Amino acid sequence: MAEINGKYEEINDVNLLDYLIANKYRVDRVVIDYNGEIVKKLEFSKINIKNTDKIEIVCFVGGG
């Protein structure tokens, strides 16, 4: 199972961009650590999540 933000999920060959959209992340406001590497936004659709992956999704929010 893939570890995403510290929780384990069964992933069935979905790409990172589709995962983010399906889980209602604002793609323009996230940074992804994929197996210890920061991923460029242009690469999100090229990465297929595997059950051995470790992913951290960091979201930026505005405020004041």
N, C-alpha and C. Protein backbone atom coordinates (compact mmCIF):
# COMPACT_ATOMS: atom_id res chain seq x y z
N MET A 1 0.84 -1.18 0.00
CA MET A 1 0.00 0.00 0.00
C MET A 1 0.88 1.25 0.00
N ALA A 2 0.45 2.24 -0.72
CA ALA A 2 1.20 3.50 -0.78
C ALA A 2 0.96 4.28 0.52
N GLU A 3 2.00 4.94 0.99
CA GLU A 3 1.88 5.80 2.16
C GLU A 3 1.73 7.24 1.68
N ILE A 4 0.57 7.82 1.96
CA ILE A 4 0.29 9.18 1.53
C ILE A 4 -0.07 10.01 2.76
N ASN A 5 0.77 11.00 3.06
CA ASN A 5 0.61 11.84 4.25
C ASN A 5 0.46 11.01 5.52
N GLY A 6 1.26 9.96 5.61
CA GLY A 6 1.29 9.13 6.81
C GLY A 6 0.20 8.09 6.91
N LYS A 7 -0.70 8.02 5.93
CA LYS A 7 -1.77 7.01 5.92
C LYS A 7 -1.55 6.08 4.75
N TYR A 8 -1.87 4.82 4.96
CA TYR A 8 -1.67 3.83 3.91
C TYR A 8 -2.95 3.68 3.10
N GLU A 9 -2.78 3.70 1.77
CA GLU A 9 -3.90 3.57 0.85
C GLU A 9 -3.57 2.55 -0.22
N GLU A 10 -4.56 1.77 -0.59
CA GLU A 10 -4.41 0.85 -1.72
C GLU A 10 -4.61 1.67 -2.99
N ILE A 11 -3.60 1.70 -3.83
CA ILE A 11 -3.64 2.50 -5.05
C ILE A 11 -3.63 1.55 -6.24
N ASN A 12 -4.53 1.79 -7.18
CA ASN A 12 -4.64 0.92 -8.36
C ASN A 12 -4.25 1.69 -9.61
N ASP A 13 -2.95 1.84 -9.83
CA ASP A 13 -2.39 2.41 -11.05
C ASP A 13 -3.07 3.72 -11.47
N VAL A 14 -3.04 4.69 -10.59
CA VAL A 14 -3.58 6.02 -10.89
C VAL A 14 -2.40 6.99 -10.93
N ASN A 15 -2.47 7.98 -11.82
CA ASN A 15 -1.36 8.93 -11.83
C ASN A 15 -1.56 9.98 -10.76
N LEU A 16 -0.49 10.65 -10.43
CA LEU A 16 -0.49 11.59 -9.31
C LEU A 16 -1.48 12.73 -9.53
N LEU A 17 -1.55 13.27 -10.73
CA LEU A 17 -2.48 14.36 -11.02
C LEU A 17 -3.92 13.91 -10.81
N ASP A 18 -4.29 12.76 -11.32
CA ASP A 18 -5.65 12.25 -11.14
C ASP A 18 -5.96 12.02 -9.67
N TYR A 19 -4.98 11.52 -8.91
CA TYR A 19 -5.18 11.32 -7.47
C TYR A 19 -5.48 12.64 -6.78
N LEU A 20 -4.69 13.66 -7.09
CA LEU A 20 -4.88 14.96 -6.46
C LEU A 20 -6.26 15.54 -6.79
N ILE A 21 -6.65 15.46 -8.04
CA ILE A 21 -7.95 15.99 -8.45
C ILE A 21 -9.09 15.20 -7.79
N ALA A 22 -8.99 13.88 -7.78
CA ALA A 22 -10.03 13.04 -7.18
C ALA A 22 -10.19 13.31 -5.69
N ASN A 23 -9.10 13.72 -5.04
CA ASN A 23 -9.14 13.99 -3.60
C ASN A 23 -9.27 15.48 -3.29
N LYS A 24 -9.67 16.25 -4.30
CA LYS A 24 -10.02 17.66 -4.18
C LYS A 24 -8.88 18.57 -3.69
N TYR A 25 -7.66 18.22 -4.09
CA TYR A 25 -6.52 19.11 -3.81
C TYR A 25 -6.48 20.20 -4.86
N ARG A 26 -6.09 21.39 -4.46
CA ARG A 26 -5.85 22.49 -5.40
C ARG A 26 -4.45 22.29 -5.98
N VAL A 27 -4.38 21.77 -7.18
CA VAL A 27 -3.11 21.39 -7.79
C VAL A 27 -2.15 22.57 -7.87
N ASP A 28 -2.70 23.77 -8.02
CA ASP A 28 -1.84 24.95 -8.11
C ASP A 28 -1.29 25.38 -6.75
N ARG A 29 -1.75 24.74 -5.68
CA ARG A 29 -1.33 25.14 -4.33
C ARG A 29 -0.74 23.99 -3.52
N VAL A 30 -0.12 23.03 -4.20
CA VAL A 30 0.49 21.92 -3.48
C VAL A 30 1.95 21.76 -3.90
N VAL A 31 2.71 21.18 -2.99
CA VAL A 31 4.06 20.70 -3.28
C VAL A 31 4.05 19.22 -2.92
N ILE A 32 4.65 18.42 -3.80
CA ILE A 32 4.64 16.98 -3.60
C ILE A 32 6.06 16.47 -3.36
N ASP A 33 6.22 15.72 -2.27
CA ASP A 33 7.44 14.98 -2.01
C ASP A 33 7.12 13.53 -2.37
N TYR A 34 7.75 13.05 -3.43
CA TYR A 34 7.49 11.71 -3.94
C TYR A 34 8.74 10.87 -3.73
N ASN A 35 8.67 9.97 -2.78
CA ASN A 35 9.82 9.11 -2.45
C ASN A 35 11.09 9.92 -2.20
N GLY A 36 10.94 11.04 -1.49
CA GLY A 36 12.09 11.84 -1.09
C GLY A 36 12.51 12.89 -2.09
N GLU A 37 11.79 13.03 -3.19
CA GLU A 37 12.13 14.00 -4.22
C GLU A 37 10.95 14.95 -4.44
N ILE A 38 11.23 16.24 -4.59
CA ILE A 38 10.18 17.21 -4.91
C ILE A 38 9.84 17.07 -6.39
N VAL A 39 8.54 17.04 -6.69
CA VAL A 39 8.08 16.83 -8.06
C VAL A 39 7.59 18.15 -8.65
N LYS A 40 8.02 18.45 -9.87
CA LYS A 40 7.52 19.62 -10.57
C LYS A 40 6.08 19.37 -11.00
N LYS A 41 5.26 20.43 -10.99
CA LYS A 41 3.86 20.29 -11.35
C LYS A 41 3.66 19.69 -12.74
N LEU A 42 4.54 20.01 -13.67
CA LEU A 42 4.42 19.47 -15.02
C LEU A 42 4.61 17.95 -15.06
N GLU A 43 5.19 17.39 -14.00
CA GLU A 43 5.44 15.95 -13.95
C GLU A 43 4.31 15.17 -13.27
N PHE A 44 3.36 15.85 -12.64
CA PHE A 44 2.30 15.15 -11.89
C PHE A 44 1.60 14.08 -12.72
N SER A 45 1.27 14.41 -13.96
CA SER A 45 0.51 13.46 -14.79
C SER A 45 1.38 12.31 -15.30
N LYS A 46 2.69 12.42 -15.16
CA LYS A 46 3.59 11.38 -15.67
C LYS A 46 3.95 10.34 -14.62
N ILE A 47 3.55 10.57 -13.38
CA ILE A 47 3.91 9.67 -12.29
C ILE A 47 2.73 8.77 -11.94
N ASN A 48 2.89 7.48 -12.14
CA ASN A 48 1.88 6.52 -11.72
C ASN A 48 2.21 6.06 -10.30
N ILE A 49 1.28 6.26 -9.40
CA ILE A 49 1.48 5.88 -8.00
C ILE A 49 1.47 4.36 -7.88
N LYS A 50 2.49 3.85 -7.19
CA LYS A 50 2.60 2.42 -6.94
C LYS A 50 2.42 2.17 -5.44
N ASN A 51 2.07 0.96 -5.09
CA ASN A 51 1.83 0.64 -3.70
C ASN A 51 3.07 0.68 -2.83
N THR A 52 4.24 0.86 -3.41
CA THR A 52 5.49 0.95 -2.64
C THR A 52 5.92 2.40 -2.42
N ASP A 53 5.15 3.36 -2.92
CA ASP A 53 5.54 4.77 -2.86
C ASP A 53 5.21 5.42 -1.52
N LYS A 54 6.02 6.44 -1.20
CA LYS A 54 5.77 7.28 -0.04
C LYS A 54 5.62 8.71 -0.55
N ILE A 55 4.46 9.31 -0.27
CA ILE A 55 4.13 10.62 -0.82
C ILE A 55 3.70 11.54 0.31
N GLU A 56 4.23 12.74 0.29
CA GLU A 56 3.78 13.79 1.21
C GLU A 56 3.21 14.91 0.35
N ILE A 57 2.00 15.34 0.67
CA ILE A 57 1.34 16.42 -0.04
C ILE A 57 1.24 17.60 0.91
N VAL A 58 1.90 18.70 0.54
CA VAL A 58 1.90 19.90 1.36
C VAL A 58 1.05 20.94 0.64
N CYS A 59 0.04 21.45 1.34
CA CYS A 59 -0.89 22.42 0.77
C CYS A 59 -0.57 23.81 1.33
N PHE A 60 -0.62 24.80 0.45
CA PHE A 60 -0.43 26.18 0.86
C PHE A 60 -1.79 26.86 0.91
N VAL A 61 -2.03 27.61 1.99
CA VAL A 61 -3.29 28.34 2.12
C VAL A 61 -2.97 29.79 2.45
N GLY A 62 -3.83 30.66 1.98
CA GLY A 62 -3.65 32.09 2.26
C GLY A 62 -4.26 32.44 3.61
N GLY A 63 -3.88 33.54 4.12
CA GLY A 63 -4.44 33.99 5.38
C GLY A 63 -3.76 35.26 5.82
N GLY A 64 -4.22 35.77 6.89
CA GLY A 64 -3.59 36.99 7.33
C GLY A 64 -3.93 37.36 8.73
